[in-house]
PDB file of N, CA and C in Angstrom:
ATOM      1  N   MET A   1       2.202 -13.653  21.588  1.00  0.00           N
ATOM      2  CA  MET A   1       2.607 -12.731  19.964  1.00  0.00           C
ATOM      3  C   MET A   1       1.997 -13.311  18.968  1.00  0.00           C
ATOM      4  N   TRP A   2       1.290 -12.809  18.490  1.00  0.00           N
ATOM      5  CA  TRP A   2       0.556 -14.066  17.181  1.00  0.00           C
ATOM      6  C   TRP A   2       1.492 -13.921  16.186  1.00  0.00           C
ATOM      7  N   ASP A   3       2.022 -15.069  15.597  1.00  0.00           N
ATOM      8  CA  ASP A   3       2.720 -15.014  13.982  1.00  0.00           C
ATOM      9  C   ASP A   3       1.732 -15.603  13.140  1.00  0.00           C
ATOM     10  N   GLY A   4       2.289 -15.526  11.533  1.00  0.00           N
ATOM     11  CA  GLY A   4       1.790 -15.871  10.701  1.00  0.00           C
ATOM     12  C   GLY A   4       1.436 -17.308  10.889  1.00  0.00           C
ATOM     13  N   SER A   5       1.665 -18.568  11.659  1.00  0.00           N
ATOM     14  CA  SER A   5       1.373 -19.473  11.159  1.00  0.00           C
ATOM     15  C   SER A   5       0.267 -19.839  12.039  1.00  0.00           C
ATOM     16  N   SER A   6       0.059 -19.334  13.332  1.00  0.00           N
ATOM     17  CA  SER A   6      -1.282 -19.103  14.043  1.00  0.00           C
ATOM     18  C   SER A   6      -2.391 -18.389  13.995  1.00  0.00           C
ATOM     19  N   ILE A   7      -2.200 -17.414  12.879  1.00  0.00           N
ATOM     20  CA  ILE A   7      -3.458 -16.850  12.743  1.00  0.00           C
ATOM     21  C   ILE A   7      -3.871 -17.163  11.477  1.00  0.00           C
ATOM     22  N   LEU A   8      -3.332 -18.090  10.602  1.00  0.00           N
ATOM     23  CA  LEU A   8      -4.098 -18.601   9.445  1.00  0.00           C
ATOM     24  C   LEU A   8      -5.109 -19.167   9.655  1.00  0.00           C
ATOM     25  N   TYR A   9      -5.223 -19.830  10.622  1.00  0.00           N
ATOM     26  CA  TYR A   9      -6.635 -20.908  10.564  1.00  0.00           C
ATOM     27  C   TYR A   9      -7.787 -19.269  10.645  1.00  0.00           C
ATOM     28  N   LEU A  10      -7.794 -18.085  10.676  1.00  0.00           N
ATOM     29  CA  LEU A  10      -8.489 -17.594  10.685  1.00  0.00           C
ATOM     30  C   LEU A  10      -9.139 -17.036   9.343  1.00  0.00           C
ATOM     31  N   ILE A  11      -8.104 -16.924   8.580  1.00  0.00           N
ATOM     32  CA  ILE A  11      -8.195 -16.987   6.816  1.00  0.00           C
ATOM     33  C   ILE A  11      -8.927 -17.843   6.503  1.00  0.00           C
ATOM     34  N   SER A  12      -9.900 -17.784   5.189  1.00  0.00           N
ATOM     35  CA  SER A  12     -10.874 -18.748   5.407  1.00  0.00           C
ATOM     36  C   SER A  12     -10.232 -19.704   3.509  1.00  0.00           C
ATOM     37  N   PRO A  13     -10.341 -20.610   3.579  1.00  0.00           N
ATOM     38  CA  PRO A  13      -9.692 -21.177   1.989  1.00  0.00           C
ATOM     39  C   PRO A  13     -10.310 -20.292   0.873  1.00  0.00           C
ATOM     40  N   THR A  14     -11.496 -19.917   1.328  1.00  0.00           N
ATOM     41  CA  THR A  14     -11.854 -19.937   0.245  1.00  0.00           C
ATOM     42  C   THR A  14     -11.383 -17.831  -0.461  1.00  0.00           C
ATOM     43  N   TYR A  15     -11.023 -17.557   0.706  1.00  0.00           N
ATOM     44  CA  TYR A  15     -10.246 -16.069   0.745  1.00  0.00           C
ATOM     45  C   TYR A  15      -8.828 -16.512   0.010  1.00  0.00           C
ATOM     46  N   LEU A  16      -8.208 -17.169   0.068  1.00  0.00           N
ATOM     47  CA  LEU A  16      -6.872 -17.346  -0.088  1.00  0.00           C
ATOM     48  C   LEU A  16      -6.840 -17.635  -1.720  1.00  0.00           C
ATOM     49  N   LYS A  17      -8.219 -19.309  -1.957  1.00  0.00           N
ATOM     50  CA  LYS A  17      -7.893 -19.560  -3.853  1.00  0.00           C
ATOM     51  C   LYS A  17      -8.375 -18.093  -4.095  1.00  0.00           C
ATOM     52  N   SER A  18      -9.458 -17.425  -3.530  1.00  0.00           N
ATOM     53  CA  SER A  18      -9.867 -16.051  -4.470  1.00  0.00           C
ATOM     54  C   SER A  18      -9.034 -15.345  -5.227  1.00  0.00           C
ATOM     55  N   ILE A  19      -7.733 -15.139  -4.276  1.00  0.00           N
ATOM     56  CA  ILE A  19      -6.467 -14.417  -4.104  1.00  0.00           C
ATOM     57  C   ILE A  19      -5.965 -14.990  -5.399  1.00  0.00           C
ATOM     58  N   ARG A  20      -5.527 -16.851  -5.323  1.00  0.00           N
ATOM     59  CA  ARG A  20      -5.000 -17.043  -6.317  1.00  0.00           C
ATOM     60  C   ARG A  20      -5.563 -16.700  -7.555  1.00  0.00           C
ATOM     61  N   ASP A  21      -6.995 -16.900  -7.783  1.00  0.00           N
ATOM     62  CA  ASP A  21      -8.139 -17.613  -8.908  1.00  0.00           C
ATOM     63  C   ASP A  21      -7.901 -15.957  -9.530  1.00  0.00           C
ATOM     64  N   ALA A  22      -7.630 -15.095  -9.090  1.00  0.00           N
ATOM     65  CA  ALA A  22      -7.880 -13.801  -9.568  1.00  0.00           C
ATOM     66  C   ALA A  22      -6.132 -13.235  -9.994  1.00  0.00           C
ATOM     67  N   GLY A  23      -5.802 -13.500 -10.017  1.00  0.00           N
ATOM     68  CA  GLY A  23      -4.375 -13.453 -10.466  1.00  0.00           C
ATOM     69  C   GLY A  23      -3.776 -12.496  -9.688  1.00  0.00           C
ATOM     70  N   VAL A  24      -3.622 -11.972  -8.709  1.00  0.00           N
ATOM     71  CA  VAL A  24      -3.154 -10.988  -7.708  1.00  0.00           C
ATOM     72  C   VAL A  24      -2.083 -11.448  -7.691  1.00  0.00           C
ATOM     73  N   PRO A  25      -1.059 -10.156  -8.380  1.00  0.00           N
ATOM     74  CA  PRO A  25       0.559 -10.095  -8.844  1.00  0.00           C
ATOM     75  C   PRO A  25       1.312  -9.931  -7.269  1.00  0.00           C
ATOM     76  N   VAL A  26       0.351  -9.334  -6.416  1.00  0.00           N
ATOM     77  CA  VAL A  26       1.236  -9.270  -5.136  1.00  0.00           C
ATOM     78  C   VAL A  26       0.348  -7.910  -4.372  1.00  0.00           C
ATOM     79  N   ILE A  27       0.707  -8.560  -2.914  1.00  0.00           N
ATOM     80  CA  ILE A  27      -0.299  -7.625  -1.811  1.00  0.00           C
ATOM     81  C   ILE A  27       0.835  -7.092  -0.778  1.00  0.00           C
ATOM     82  N   PHE A  28      -0.037  -5.816  -0.045  1.00  0.00           N
ATOM     83  CA  PHE A  28       0.893  -5.109   0.434  1.00  0.00           C
ATOM     84  C   PHE A  28       0.214  -5.125   1.811  1.00  0.00           C
ATOM     85  N   ALA A  29       1.392  -4.729   2.758  1.00  0.00           N
ATOM     86  CA  ALA A  29       1.432  -4.886   4.252  1.00  0.00           C
ATOM     87  C   ALA A  29       0.836  -3.132   4.174  1.00  0.00           C
ATOM     88  N   GLU A  30       0.685  -3.097   5.431  1.00  0.00           N
ATOM     89  CA  GLU A  30       0.845  -1.735   5.668  1.00  0.00           C
ATOM     90  C   GLU A  30       1.721  -1.911   7.504  1.00  0.00           C
ATOM     91  N   THR A  31       2.432  -0.170   7.384  1.00  0.00           N
ATOM     92  CA  THR A  31       3.206   0.173   8.597  1.00  0.00           C
ATOM     93  C   THR A  31       2.654  -0.603   9.972  1.00  0.00           C
ATOM     94  N   THR A  32       1.411  -0.336   9.985  1.00  0.00           N
ATOM     95  CA  THR A  32       1.093  -0.467  11.869  1.00  0.00           C
ATOM     96  C   THR A  32       0.183  -1.678  11.634  1.00  0.00           C
ATOM     97  N   ILE A  33       0.960  -2.873  10.904  1.00  0.00           N
ATOM     98  CA  ILE A  33      -0.072  -4.564  10.960  1.00  0.00           C
ATOM     99  C   ILE A  33       1.482  -5.151  11.128  1.00  0.00           C
ATOM    100  N   ASN A  34       1.439  -6.164  11.997  1.00  0.00           N
ATOM    101  CA  ASN A  34       2.367  -6.948  11.997  1.00  0.00           C
ATOM    102  C   ASN A  34       2.459  -7.898  10.507  1.00  0.00           C
ATOM    103  N   PRO A  35       4.066  -7.747  10.071  1.00  0.00           N
ATOM    104  CA  PRO A  35       4.127  -8.239   8.922  1.00  0.00           C
ATOM    105  C   PRO A  35       4.212  -9.631   8.613  1.00  0.00           C
ATOM    106  N   ALA A  36       4.232 -10.509   9.913  1.00  0.00           N
ATOM    107  CA  ALA A  36       3.745 -12.032   9.852  1.00  0.00           C
ATOM    108  C   ALA A  36       2.959 -12.704   9.650  1.00  0.00           C
ATOM    109  N   LEU A  37       1.754 -11.739   9.690  1.00  0.00           N
ATOM    110  CA  LEU A  37       0.166 -12.227   8.844  1.00  0.00           C
ATOM    111  C   LEU A  37       0.348 -12.107   7.425  1.00  0.00           C
ATOM    112  N   ILE A  38       0.492 -11.079   6.728  1.00  0.00           N
ATOM    113  CA  ILE A  38       0.471 -10.662   5.647  1.00  0.00           C
ATOM    114  C   ILE A  38       1.450 -11.749   4.803  1.00  0.00           C
ATOM    115  N   GLU A  39       2.565 -11.623   5.081  1.00  0.00           N
ATOM    116  CA  GLU A  39       3.794 -12.953   5.015  1.00  0.00           C
ATOM    117  C   GLU A  39       3.222 -14.217   4.909  1.00  0.00           C
ATOM    118  N   ALA A  40       2.451 -14.345   5.834  1.00  0.00           N
ATOM    119  CA  ALA A  40       1.460 -15.738   5.849  1.00  0.00           C
ATOM    120  C   ALA A  40       0.647 -15.945   4.904  1.00  0.00           C
ATOM    121  N   VAL A  41      -0.056 -15.129   4.924  1.00  0.00           N
ATOM    122  CA  VAL A  41      -1.268 -14.748   3.911  1.00  0.00           C
ATOM    123  C   VAL A  41      -0.655 -14.981   2.361  1.00  0.00           C
ATOM    124  N   ALA A  42       0.174 -14.757   2.165  1.00  0.00           N
ATOM    125  CA  ALA A  42       0.981 -14.482   0.979  1.00  0.00           C
ATOM    126  C   ALA A  42       1.517 -15.492   0.214  1.00  0.00           C
ATOM    127  N   LYS A  43       2.480 -16.339   1.513  1.00  0.00           N
ATOM    128  CA  LYS A  43       2.873 -17.814   1.115  1.00  0.00           C
ATOM    129  C   LYS A  43       1.801 -18.799   0.562  1.00  0.00           C
ATOM    130  N   GLU A  44       0.753 -18.756   1.394  1.00  0.00           N
ATOM    131  CA  GLU A  44      -0.727 -19.780   0.912  1.00  0.00           C
ATOM    132  C   GLU A  44      -1.156 -18.996  -0.026  1.00  0.00           C
ATOM    133  N   ALA A  45      -1.223 -17.935  -0.488  1.00  0.00           N
ATOM    134  CA  ALA A  45      -1.876 -17.824  -1.601  1.00  0.00           C
ATOM    135  C   ALA A  45      -1.270 -17.753  -2.831  1.00  0.00           C
ATOM    136  N   LYS A  46       0.330 -18.278  -2.645  1.00  0.00           N
ATOM    137  CA  LYS A  46       1.544 -17.958  -3.361  1.00  0.00           C
ATOM    138  C   LYS A  46       1.242 -16.677  -4.732  1.00  0.00           C
ATOM    139  N   VAL A  47       1.481 -15.808  -3.468  1.00  0.00           N
ATOM    140  CA  VAL A  47       1.651 -14.037  -3.984  1.00  0.00           C
ATOM    141  C   VAL A  47       3.056 -13.443  -3.169  1.00  0.00           C
ATOM    142  N   LYS A  48       3.458 -12.635  -4.124  1.00  0.00           N
ATOM    143  CA  LYS A  48       4.311 -11.640  -3.421  1.00  0.00           C
ATOM    144  C   LYS A  48       4.168 -10.929  -2.770  1.00  0.00           C
ATOM    145  N   VAL A  49       4.673 -11.035  -1.774  1.00  0.00           N
ATOM    146  CA  VAL A  49       4.560  -9.126  -0.543  1.00  0.00           C
ATOM    147  C   VAL A  49       5.308  -7.974  -1.211  1.00  0.00           C
ATOM    148  N   SER A  50       4.618  -7.020  -1.392  1.00  0.00           N
ATOM    149  CA  SER A  50       5.340  -5.296  -1.962  1.00  0.00           C
ATOM    150  C   SER A  50       6.690  -4.894  -0.799  1.00  0.00           C
ATOM    151  N   ASP A  51       7.477  -5.162  -1.729  1.00  0.00           N
ATOM    152  CA  ASP A  51       8.626  -4.215  -0.770  1.00  0.00           C
ATOM    153  C   ASP A  51       8.164  -3.070   0.351  1.00  0.00           C
ATOM    154  N   ARG A  52       7.382  -2.911  -0.823  1.00  0.00           N
ATOM    155  CA  ARG A  52       6.882  -1.694  -0.039  1.00  0.00           C
ATOM    156  C   ARG A  52       5.711  -1.309   0.954  1.00  0.00           C
ATOM    157  N   GLU A  53       5.633  -1.138   2.525  1.00  0.00           N
ATOM    158  CA  GLU A  53       4.075  -0.937   2.959  1.00  0.00           C
ATOM    159  C   GLU A  53       3.243   0.249   2.503  1.00  0.00           C
ATOM    160  N   LEU A  54       2.358  -0.195   2.846  1.00  0.00           N
ATOM    161  CA  LEU A  54       1.487   1.004   2.788  1.00  0.00           C
ATOM    162  C   LEU A  54       1.437   2.154   3.846  1.00  0.00           C
ATOM    163  N   PHE A  55       0.933   2.880   4.019  1.00  0.00           N
ATOM    164  CA  PHE A  55       0.241   3.957   4.683  1.00  0.00           C
ATOM    165  C   PHE A  55      -0.965   3.741   5.202  1.00  0.00           C
ATOM    166  N   SER A  56      -1.475   3.531   6.398  1.00  0.00           N
ATOM    167  CA  SER A  56      -3.363   2.972   6.190  1.00  0.00           C
ATOM    168  C   SER A  56      -3.697   3.582   6.984  1.00  0.00           C
ATOM    169  N   ASP A  57      -2.982   3.627   8.491  1.00  0.00           N
ATOM    170  CA  ASP A  57      -3.995   4.693   9.193  1.00  0.00           C
ATOM    171  C   ASP A  57      -3.341   6.108   9.927  1.00  0.00           C
ATOM    172  N   GLY A  58      -2.857   6.759   9.099  1.00  0.00           N
ATOM    173  CA  GLY A  58      -2.407   7.793   9.576  1.00  0.00           C
ATOM    174  C   GLY A  58      -1.061   7.870   8.719  1.00  0.00           C
ATOM    175  N   ILE A  59      -0.496   9.349   8.802  1.00  0.00           N
ATOM    176  CA  ILE A  59       0.780   9.769   8.312  1.00  0.00           C
ATOM    177  C   ILE A  59       1.736   8.996   9.236  1.00  0.00           C
ATOM    178  N   GLY A  60       2.898   9.217   8.513  1.00  0.00           N
ATOM    179  CA  GLY A  60       4.193   8.100   8.800  1.00  0.00           C
ATOM    180  C   GLY A  60       4.770   8.988   9.621  1.00  0.00           C
ATOM    181  N   GLU A  61       5.715   8.490  10.588  1.00  0.00           N
ATOM    182  CA  GLU A  61       6.436   9.332  10.921  1.00  0.00           C
ATOM    183  C   GLU A  61       7.372  10.547  10.589  1.00  0.00           C
ATOM    184  N   PRO A  62       7.838  11.497  11.514  1.00  0.00           N
ATOM    185  CA  PRO A  62       8.245  12.720  11.016  1.00  0.00           C
ATOM    186  C   PRO A  62      10.010  11.710   9.889  1.00  0.00           C
ATOM    187  N   GLY A  63      10.080  12.752   8.537  1.00  0.00           N
ATOM    188  CA  GLY A  63      11.205  12.023   8.224  1.00  0.00           C
ATOM    189  C   GLY A  63      11.019  11.271   7.213  1.00  0.00           C
ATOM    190  N   THR A  64       9.470  10.118   7.197  1.00  0.00           N
ATOM    191  CA  THR A  64       9.203   9.180   6.857  1.00  0.00           C
ATOM    192  C   THR A  64       9.392   9.782   5.382  1.00  0.00           C
ATOM    193  N   GLU A  65       8.760   8.962   4.338  1.00  0.00           N
ATOM    194  CA  GLU A  65       8.428   9.689   2.774  1.00  0.00           C
ATOM    195  C   GLU A  65       6.924  10.062   2.629  1.00  0.00           C
ATOM    196  N   GLY A  66       5.828   9.114   3.998  1.00  0.00           N
ATOM    197  CA  GLY A  66       4.733   9.685   4.039  1.00  0.00           C
ATOM    198  C   GLY A  66       4.439  10.454   5.306  1.00  0.00           C
ATOM    199  N   ASP A  67       5.206  11.232   5.325  1.00  0.00           N
ATOM    200  CA  ASP A  67       5.248  12.107   6.530  1.00  0.00           C
ATOM    201  C   ASP A  67       4.028  13.405   6.423  1.00  0.00           C
ATOM    202  N   THR A  68       3.427  13.602   5.689  1.00  0.00           N
ATOM    203  CA  THR A  68       2.519  14.709   5.530  1.00  0.00           C
ATOM    204  C   THR A  68       1.161  13.839   4.399  1.00  0.00           C
ATOM    205  N   TYR A  69       0.004  14.470   4.728  1.00  0.00           N
ATOM    206  CA  TYR A  69      -1.379  13.536   4.352  1.00  0.00           C
ATOM    207  C   TYR A  69      -0.830  13.530   2.746  1.00  0.00           C
ATOM    208  N   PRO A  70      -0.424  14.590   1.795  1.00  0.00           N
ATOM    209  CA  PRO A  70      -0.039  14.819   0.456  1.00  0.00           C
ATOM    210  C   PRO A  70       1.257  13.832   0.078  1.00  0.00           C
ATOM    211  N   LYS A  71       2.059  13.593   0.736  1.00  0.00           N
ATOM    212  CA  LYS A  71       2.934  13.192   0.747  1.00  0.00           C
ATOM    213  C   LYS A  71       2.464  11.167   0.790  1.00  0.00           C
ATOM    214  N   MET A  72       1.773  10.910   1.716  1.00  0.00           N
ATOM    215  CA  MET A  72       1.279   9.846   2.204  1.00  0.00           C
ATOM    216  C   MET A  72       0.625   9.431   0.880  1.00  0.00           C
ATOM    217  N   LEU A  73       0.029  10.167   0.654  1.00  0.00           N
ATOM    218  CA  LEU A  73      -1.037   9.903  -0.909  1.00  0.00           C
ATOM    219  C   LEU A  73      -0.055   9.706  -2.288  1.00  0.00           C
ATOM    220  N   ILE A  74       0.504  10.365  -1.893  1.00  0.00           N
ATOM    221  CA  ILE A  74       1.832  10.092  -3.109  1.00  0.00           C
ATOM    222  C   ILE A  74       2.939   8.983  -2.996  1.00  0.00           C
ATOM    223  N   ALA A  75       3.232   8.475  -1.707  1.00  0.00           N
ATOM    224  CA  ALA A  75       4.030   7.306  -1.911  1.00  0.00           C
ATOM    225  C   ALA A  75       3.347   6.119  -1.793  1.00  0.00           C
ATOM    226  N   ASN A  76       1.745   6.235  -1.374  1.00  0.00           N
ATOM    227  CA  ASN A  76       1.244   5.015  -1.338  1.00  0.00           C
ATOM    228  C   ASN A  76       0.530   4.433  -3.040  1.00  0.00           C
ATOM    229  N   THR A  77       0.610   5.397  -3.341  1.00  0.00           N
ATOM    230  CA  THR A  77       0.214   5.229  -5.114  1.00  0.00           C
ATOM    231  C   THR A  77       1.133   4.896  -5.337  1.00  0.00           C
ATOM    232  N   LYS A  78       2.744   5.596  -5.260  1.00  0.00           N
ATOM    233  CA  LYS A  78       3.675   4.798  -6.089  1.00  0.00           C
ATOM    234  C   LYS A  78       4.033   3.266  -5.465  1.00  0.00           C
ATOM    235  N   SER A  79       3.466   2.784  -4.304  1.00  0.00           N
ATOM    236  CA  SER A  79       3.511   1.570  -4.085  1.00  0.00           C
ATOM    237  C   SER A  79       2.923   0.669  -4.761  1.00  0.00           C
ATOM    238  N   ILE A  80       1.690   1.028  -5.122  1.00  0.00           N
ATOM    239  CA  ILE A  80       0.649   0.222  -5.648  1.00  0.00           C
ATOM    240  C   ILE A  80       1.087   0.157  -6.855  1.00  0.00           C
ATOM    241  N   VAL A  81       1.295   1.391  -7.593  1.00  0.00           N
ATOM    242  CA  VAL A  81       1.764   1.495  -9.175  1.00  0.00           C
ATOM    243  C   VAL A  81       2.720   0.839  -9.456  1.00  0.00           C
ATOM    244  N   GLN A  82       3.707   0.463  -8.796  1.00  0.00           N
ATOM    245  CA  GLN A  82       4.954  -0.004  -9.409  1.00  0.00           C
ATOM    246  C   GLN A  82       5.043  -1.814  -8.898  1.00  0.00           C
ATOM    247  N   GLY A  83       4.483  -2.240  -7.523  1.00  0.00           N
ATOM    248  CA  GLY A  83       3.747  -3.355  -7.313  1.00  0.00           C
ATOM    249  C   GLY A  83       3.321  -3.993  -7.717  1.00  0.00           C
ATOM    250  N   LEU A  84       2.239  -3.678  -8.609  1.00  0.00           N
ATOM    251  CA  LEU A  84       1.382  -4.021 -10.185  1.00  0.00           C
ATOM    252  C   LEU A  84       2.176  -4.257 -11.362  1.00  0.00           C
ATOM    253  N   GLY A  85       3.303  -3.864 -11.183  1.00  0.00           N
ATOM    254  CA  GLY A  85       3.546  -3.527 -12.098  1.00  0.00           C
ATOM    255  C   GLY A  85       4.380  -2.182 -13.463  1.00  0.00           C
ATOM    256  N   GLY A  86       3.580  -1.350 -12.871  1.00  0.00           N
ATOM    257  CA  GLY A  86       3.410   0.084 -13.785  1.00  0.00           C
ATOM    258  C   GLY A  86       4.411   0.993 -13.531  1.00  0.00           C
ATOM    259  N   ARG A  87       4.160   1.953 -14.114  1.00  0.00           N
ATOM    260  CA  ARG A  87       5.641   2.991 -13.911  1.00  0.00           C
ATOM    261  C   ARG A  87       5.130   4.414 -13.452  1.00  0.00           C
ATOM    262  N   PHE A  88       5.483   4.497 -12.241  1.00  0.00           N
ATOM    263  CA  PHE A  88       4.951   5.270 -11.431  1.00  0.00           C
ATOM    264  C   PHE A  88       5.886   7.077 -12.038  1.00  0.00           C
ATOM    265  N   THR A  89       4.969   8.264 -12.397  1.00  0.00           N
ATOM    266  CA  THR A  89       5.600   8.784 -12.997  1.00  0.00           C
ATOM    267  C   THR A  89       5.661  10.541 -11.842  1.00  0.00           C
ATOM    268  N   ALA A  90       6.614  10.760 -11.071  1.00  0.00           N
ATOM    269  CA  ALA A  90       6.330  11.624 -10.055  1.00  0.00           C
ATOM    270  C   ALA A  90       6.064  12.653 -10.446  1.00  0.00           C
ATOM    271  N   PHE A  91       4.996  13.584  -9.656  1.00  0.00           N
ATOM    272  CA  PHE A  91       4.432  15.237 -10.095  1.00  0.00           C
ATOM    273  C   PHE A  91       4.918  15.904  -8.538  1.00  0.00           C
ATOM    274  N   GLN A  92       5.341  17.329  -9.197  1.00  0.00           N
ATOM    275  CA  GLN A  92       5.509  18.646  -8.153  1.00  0.00           C
ATOM    276  C   GLN A  92       3.782  18.772  -7.420  1.00  0.00           C
ATOM    277  N   LEU A  93       4.008  18.661  -6.324  1.00  0.00           N
ATOM    278  CA  LEU A  93       2.337  19.342  -5.207  1.00  0.00           C
ATOM    279  C   LEU A  93       2.239  20.645  -5.728  1.00  0.00           C
ATOM    280  N   GLN A  94       1.415  20.958  -5.816  1.00  0.00           N
ATOM    281  CA  GLN A  94       0.990  22.363  -6.201  1.00  0.00           C
ATOM    282  C   GLN A  94       0.333  22.803  -5.153  1.00  0.00           C
ATOM    283  N   THR A  95       0.722  23.810  -4.463  1.00  0.00           N
ATOM    284  CA  THR A  95       0.337  24.608  -3.363  1.00  0.00           C
ATOM    285  C   THR A  95      -0.259  25.609  -3.770  1.00  0.00           C
ATOM    286  N   PRO A  96      -1.097  26.989  -3.411  1.00  0.00           N
ATOM    287  CA  PRO A  96      -1.746  27.942  -4.239  1.00  0.00           C
ATOM    288  C   PRO A  96      -0.786  29.100  -4.506  1.00  0.00           C
ATOM    289  N   SER A  97       0.609  28.768  -4.193  1.00  0.00           N
ATOM    290  CA  SER A  97       1.183  29.683  -3.910  1.00  0.00           C
ATOM    291  C   SER A  97       2.511  29.330  -5.497  1.00  0.00           C
ATOM    292  N   THR A  98       1.784  27.946  -5.589  1.00  0.00           N
ATOM    293  CA  THR A  98       3.274  27.432  -7.023  1.00  0.00           C
ATOM    294  C   THR A  98       1.947  26.817  -7.657  1.00  0.00           C
ATOM    295  N   ARG A  99       0.397  26.864  -8.070  1.00  0.00           N
ATOM    296  CA  ARG A  99       0.040  26.829  -8.753  1.00  0.00           C
ATOM    297  C   ARG A  99      -0.110  27.910 -10.088  1.00  0.00           C
ATOM    298  N   PRO A 100      -0.250  26.866 -11.454  1.00  0.00           N
ATOM    299  CA  PRO A 100      -0.862  28.507 -12.766  1.00  0.00           C
ATOM    300  C   PRO A 100      -1.754  28.630 -12.097  1.00  0.00           C
ATOM    301  N   SER A 101      -1.682  29.849 -12.351  1.00  0.00           N
ATOM    302  CA  SER A 101      -3.019  30.978 -12.698  1.00  0.00           C
ATOM    303  C   SER A 101      -4.025  30.422 -12.908  1.00  0.00           C
ATOM    304  N   GLY A 102      -4.246  29.708 -13.825  1.00  0.00           N
ATOM    305  CA  GLY A 102      -5.437  29.031 -14.593  1.00  0.00           C
ATOM    306  C   GLY A 102      -6.100  28.277 -13.791  1.00  0.00           C
ATOM    307  N   LEU A 103      -5.242  27.268 -12.782  1.00  0.00           N
ATOM    308  CA  LEU A 103      -6.221  26.241 -12.711  1.00  0.00           C
ATOM    309  C   LEU A 103      -5.948  26.541 -11.333  1.00  0.00           C
ATOM    310  N   VAL A 104      -7.606  27.300 -10.944  1.00  0.00           N
ATOM    311  CA  VAL A 104      -7.930  27.833  -9.676  1.00  0.00           C
ATOM    312  C   VAL A 104      -9.456  27.333  -9.479  1.00  0.00           C
ATOM    313  N   PRO A 105      -9.235  26.413  -7.944  1.00  0.00           N
ATOM    314  CA  PRO A 105     -10.343  25.484  -7.844  1.00  0.00           C
ATOM    315  C   PRO A 105     -11.869  26.060  -8.145  1.00  0.00           C
ATOM    316  N   SER A 106     -12.494  25.314  -8.111  1.00  0.00           N
ATOM    317  CA  SER A 106     -14.147  25.901  -8.357  1.00  0.00           C
ATOM    318  C   SER A 106     -14.692  25.816  -6.902  1.00  0.00           C
ATOM    319  N   ARG A 107     -16.040  26.689  -7.129  1.00  0.00           N
ATOM    320  CA  ARG A 107     -16.156  26.670  -5.540  1.00  0.00           C
ATOM    321  C   ARG A 107     -17.522  26.060  -5.598  1.00  0.00           C
TER     322      ARG A 107
END
């Protein structure tokens, strides 16, 4: 099994420097990836790892915050906005039955 220290040799020092130089405040792990790699990169780049993982290769397991495609998009948006120091404002998903009559998609 790979751990963060054994795989760091694959990460370019230039890549780590670019993360530091860009002032990246936080990096995000994905739900499908071993978190040891992202934690090792964060440690070497001296940045924080977000407390929230991103859904990346598909929707989440049933019962999770990202268990449908729209919910996955909302969960990822919330994670990124809050991770970068912003304030996420929740919104109500609209379906054809809940969409205001003036908001008809163009065809």
